[in-house]
Each structure stands twice: as structure tokens, then as C-alpha cells.
PDB file of N, CA and C in Angstrom:
ATOM      1  N   MET A   1       7.770  43.939   8.866  1.00  0.00           N
ATOM      2  CA  MET A   1       7.904  42.553   9.329  1.00  0.00           C
ATOM      3  C   MET A   1       6.585  41.796   9.167  1.00  0.00           C
ATOM      4  N   THR A   2       5.479  42.483   9.493  1.00  0.00           N
ATOM      5  CA  THR A   2       4.174  41.818   9.421  1.00  0.00           C
ATOM      6  C   THR A   2       3.860  41.420   7.981  1.00  0.00           C
ATOM      7  N   ARG A   3       4.150  42.309   7.045  1.00  0.00           N
ATOM      8  CA  ARG A   3       3.857  41.995   5.637  1.00  0.00           C
ATOM      9  C   ARG A   3       4.661  40.784   5.170  1.00  0.00           C
ATOM     10  N   VAL A   4       5.921  40.733   5.575  1.00  0.00           N
ATOM     11  CA  VAL A   4       6.772  39.609   5.169  1.00  0.00           C
ATOM     12  C   VAL A   4       6.192  38.300   5.693  1.00  0.00           C
ATOM     13  N   ASN A   5       5.746  38.298   6.961  1.00  0.00           N
ATOM     14  CA  ASN A   5       5.171  37.084   7.549  1.00  0.00           C
ATOM     15  C   ASN A   5       3.911  36.665   6.794  1.00  0.00           C
ATOM     16  N   VAL A   6       3.056  37.632   6.464  1.00  0.00           N
ATOM     17  CA  VAL A   6       1.814  37.331   5.747  1.00  0.00           C
ATOM     18  C   VAL A   6       2.140  36.760   4.367  1.00  0.00           C
ATOM     19  N   ASN A   7       3.130  37.349   3.686  1.00  0.00           N
ATOM     20  CA  ASN A   7       3.511  36.860   2.362  1.00  0.00           C
ATOM     21  C   ASN A   7       4.016  35.421   2.438  1.00  0.00           C
ATOM     22  N   ASN A   8       4.822  35.132   3.444  1.00  0.00           N
ATOM     23  CA  ASN A   8       5.352  33.770   3.597  1.00  0.00           C
ATOM     24  C   ASN A   8       4.219  32.784   3.861  1.00  0.00           C
ATOM     25  N   GLN A   9       3.254  33.177   4.667  1.00  0.00           N
ATOM     26  CA  GLN A   9       2.146  32.283   5.003  1.00  0.00           C
ATOM     27  C   GLN A   9       1.271  32.018   3.776  1.00  0.00           C
ATOM     28  N   THR A  10       1.106  33.015   2.913  1.00  0.00           N
ATOM     29  CA  THR A  10       0.260  32.815   1.735  1.00  0.00           C
ATOM     30  C   THR A  10       1.011  32.037   0.663  1.00  0.00           C
ATOM     31  N   LYS A  11       2.331  32.152   0.603  1.00  0.00           N
ATOM     32  CA  LYS A  11       3.109  31.450  -0.420  1.00  0.00           C
ATOM     33  C   LYS A  11       3.176  29.952  -0.127  1.00  0.00           C
ATOM     34  N   GLU A  12       3.367  29.582   1.127  1.00  0.00           N
ATOM     35  CA  GLU A  12       3.554  28.171   1.474  1.00  0.00           C
ATOM     36  C   GLU A  12       2.328  27.313   1.147  1.00  0.00           C
ATOM     37  N   PRO A  13       1.112  27.706   1.554  1.00  0.00           N
ATOM     38  CA  PRO A  13      -0.063  26.897   1.207  1.00  0.00           C
ATOM     39  C   PRO A  13      -0.261  26.800  -0.304  1.00  0.00           C
ATOM     40  N   ALA A  14       0.028  27.886  -1.032  1.00  0.00           N
ATOM     41  CA  ALA A  14      -0.125  27.873  -2.489  1.00  0.00           C
ATOM     42  C   ALA A  14       0.838  26.850  -3.087  1.00  0.00           C
ATOM     43  N   PHE A  15       2.070  26.835  -2.569  1.00  0.00           N
ATOM     44  CA  PHE A  15       3.070  25.876  -3.049  1.00  0.00           C
ATOM     45  C   PHE A  15       2.642  24.452  -2.705  1.00  0.00           C
ATOM     46  N   ALA A  16       2.146  24.272  -1.484  1.00  0.00           N
ATOM     47  CA  ALA A  16       1.696  22.946  -1.050  1.00  0.00           C
ATOM     48  C   ALA A  16       0.519  22.488  -1.905  1.00  0.00           C
ATOM     49  N   LYS A  17      -0.382  23.418  -2.211  1.00  0.00           N
ATOM     50  CA  LYS A  17      -1.562  23.082  -3.020  1.00  0.00           C
ATOM     51  C   LYS A  17      -1.122  22.664  -4.424  1.00  0.00           C
ATOM     52  N   ALA A  18      -0.166  23.388  -4.996  1.00  0.00           N
ATOM     53  CA  ALA A  18       0.339  23.060  -6.328  1.00  0.00           C
ATOM     54  C   ALA A  18       1.032  21.701  -6.304  1.00  0.00           C
ATOM     55  N   LEU A  19       1.750  21.428  -5.203  1.00  0.00           N
ATOM     56  CA  LEU A  19       2.460  20.154  -5.091  1.00  0.00           C
ATOM     57  C   LEU A  19       1.463  19.001  -5.024  1.00  0.00           C
ATOM     58  N   LYS A  20       0.412  19.162  -4.218  1.00  0.00           N
ATOM     59  CA  LYS A  20      -0.620  18.125  -4.107  1.00  0.00           C
ATOM     60  C   LYS A  20      -1.300  17.926  -5.457  1.00  0.00           C
ATOM     61  N   PHE A  21      -1.594  19.026  -6.158  1.00  0.00           N
ATOM     62  CA  PHE A  21      -2.252  18.962  -7.462  1.00  0.00           C
ATOM     63  C   PHE A  21      -1.406  18.150  -8.436  1.00  0.00           C
ATOM     64  N   THR A  22      -0.082  18.415  -8.425  1.00  0.00           N
ATOM     65  CA  THR A  22       0.832  17.699  -9.315  1.00  0.00           C
ATOM     66  C   THR A  22       0.871  16.212  -8.983  1.00  0.00           C
ATOM     67  N   ILE A  23       0.907  15.898  -7.679  1.00  0.00           N
ATOM     68  CA  ILE A  23       0.957  14.494  -7.245  1.00  0.00           C
ATOM     69  C   ILE A  23      -0.318  13.765  -7.658  1.00  0.00           C
ATOM     70  N   VAL A  24      -1.465  14.442  -7.519  1.00  0.00           N
ATOM     71  CA  VAL A  24      -2.747  13.820  -7.882  1.00  0.00           C
ATOM     72  C   VAL A  24      -2.779  13.512  -9.374  1.00  0.00           C
ATOM     73  N   ILE A  25      -2.347  14.474 -10.200  1.00  0.00           N
ATOM     74  CA  ILE A  25      -2.344  14.264 -11.653  1.00  0.00           C
ATOM     75  C   ILE A  25      -1.405  13.116 -12.017  1.00  0.00           C
ATOM     76  N   ALA A  26      -0.233  13.076 -11.376  1.00  0.00           N
ATOM     77  CA  ALA A  26       0.735  12.008 -11.649  1.00  0.00           C
ATOM     78  C   ALA A  26       0.141  10.654 -11.276  1.00  0.00           C
ATOM     79  N   ALA A  27      -0.536  10.596 -10.119  1.00  0.00           N
ATOM     80  CA  ALA A  27      -1.137   9.339  -9.666  1.00  0.00           C
ATOM     81  C   ALA A  27      -2.211   8.880 -10.648  1.00  0.00           C
ATOM     82  N   ILE A  28      -3.041   9.814 -11.116  1.00  0.00           N
ATOM     83  CA  ILE A  28      -4.103   9.468 -12.071  1.00  0.00           C
ATOM     84  C   ILE A  28      -3.486   8.956 -13.373  1.00  0.00           C
ATOM     85  N   GLY A  29      -2.424   9.617 -13.820  1.00  0.00           N
ATOM     86  CA  GLY A  29      -1.746   9.203 -15.052  1.00  0.00           C
ATOM     87  C   GLY A  29      -1.184   7.796 -14.927  1.00  0.00           C
ATOM     88  N   ILE A  30      -0.555   7.502 -13.783  1.00  0.00           N
ATOM     89  CA  ILE A  30       0.032   6.178 -13.566  1.00  0.00           C
ATOM     90  C   ILE A  30      -1.065   5.115 -13.521  1.00  0.00           C
ATOM     91  N   LEU A  31      -2.159   5.414 -12.802  1.00  0.00           N
ATOM     92  CA  LEU A  31      -3.269   4.453 -12.712  1.00  0.00           C
ATOM     93  C   LEU A  31      -3.859   4.194 -14.093  1.00  0.00           C
ATOM     94  N   THR A  32      -3.998   5.242 -14.896  1.00  0.00           N
ATOM     95  CA  THR A  32      -4.547   5.085 -16.244  1.00  0.00           C
ATOM     96  C   THR A  32      -3.647   4.191 -17.085  1.00  0.00           C
ATOM     97  N   CYS A  33      -2.323   4.395 -16.986  1.00  0.00           N
ATOM     98  CA  CYS A  33      -1.376   3.573 -17.746  1.00  0.00           C
ATOM     99  C   CYS A  33      -1.499   2.112 -17.336  1.00  0.00           C
ATOM    100  N   ILE A  34      -1.608   1.859 -16.027  1.00  0.00           N
ATOM    101  CA  ILE A  34      -1.722   0.479 -15.530  1.00  0.00           C
ATOM    102  C   ILE A  34      -3.003  -0.166 -16.057  1.00  0.00           C
ATOM    103  N   LEU A  35      -4.112   0.587 -16.025  1.00  0.00           N
ATOM    104  CA  LEU A  35      -5.385   0.040 -16.510  1.00  0.00           C
ATOM    105  C   LEU A  35      -5.294  -0.278 -17.998  1.00  0.00           C
ATOM    106  N   LEU A  36      -4.698   0.623 -18.781  1.00  0.00           N
ATOM    107  CA  LEU A  36      -4.568   0.391 -20.220  1.00  0.00           C
ATOM    108  C   LEU A  36      -3.718  -0.847 -20.486  1.00  0.00           C
ATOM    109  N   MET A  37      -2.629  -1.021 -19.725  1.00  0.00           N
ATOM    110  CA  MET A  37      -1.766  -2.187 -19.914  1.00  0.00           C
ATOM    111  C   MET A  37      -2.524  -3.467 -19.568  1.00  0.00           C
ATOM    112  N   ASN A  38      -3.329  -3.420 -18.512  1.00  0.00           N
ATOM    113  CA  ASN A  38      -4.078  -4.608 -18.090  1.00  0.00           C
ATOM    114  C   ASN A  38      -5.114  -5.003 -19.139  1.00  0.00           C
ATOM    115  N   PHE A  39      -5.732  -3.997 -19.766  1.00  0.00           N
ATOM    116  CA  PHE A  39      -6.756  -4.291 -20.776  1.00  0.00           C
ATOM    117  C   PHE A  39      -6.131  -4.531 -22.148  1.00  0.00           C
ATOM    118  N   GLY A  40      -4.825  -4.326 -22.266  1.00  0.00           N
ATOM    119  CA  GLY A  40      -4.118  -4.599 -23.514  1.00  0.00           C
ATOM    120  C   GLY A  40      -4.492  -3.640 -24.621  1.00  0.00           C
ATOM    121  N   VAL A  41      -4.853  -2.404 -24.283  1.00  0.00           N
ATOM    122  CA  VAL A  41      -5.223  -1.419 -25.304  1.00  0.00           C
ATOM    123  C   VAL A  41      -3.946  -0.839 -25.898  1.00  0.00           C
TER     124      VAL A  41
END
């Protein structure tokens, strides 16, 4: 039981970290697109 709990605790933060990483990259990509459109490149 203890091992299962430890595995669940380590999996969730890793998933959350990956989710945040993906959101950050998406946000940067969107901001870059907006800047390029504004500068007419």
C-alpha cells in the first residue's frame, strides 16, 4: 500500500509539471504569433 501511495504522489507532480510546461510553451507561441502579426512580418 505504501509503495502505491508513493508512486501516485510522484506521478501527479510530474504530470502537473508537464502540463504547466506545455501551457507555458503554448502561451509563448501565441504571444510570438501576435507580435509577428503586429509587426507585419
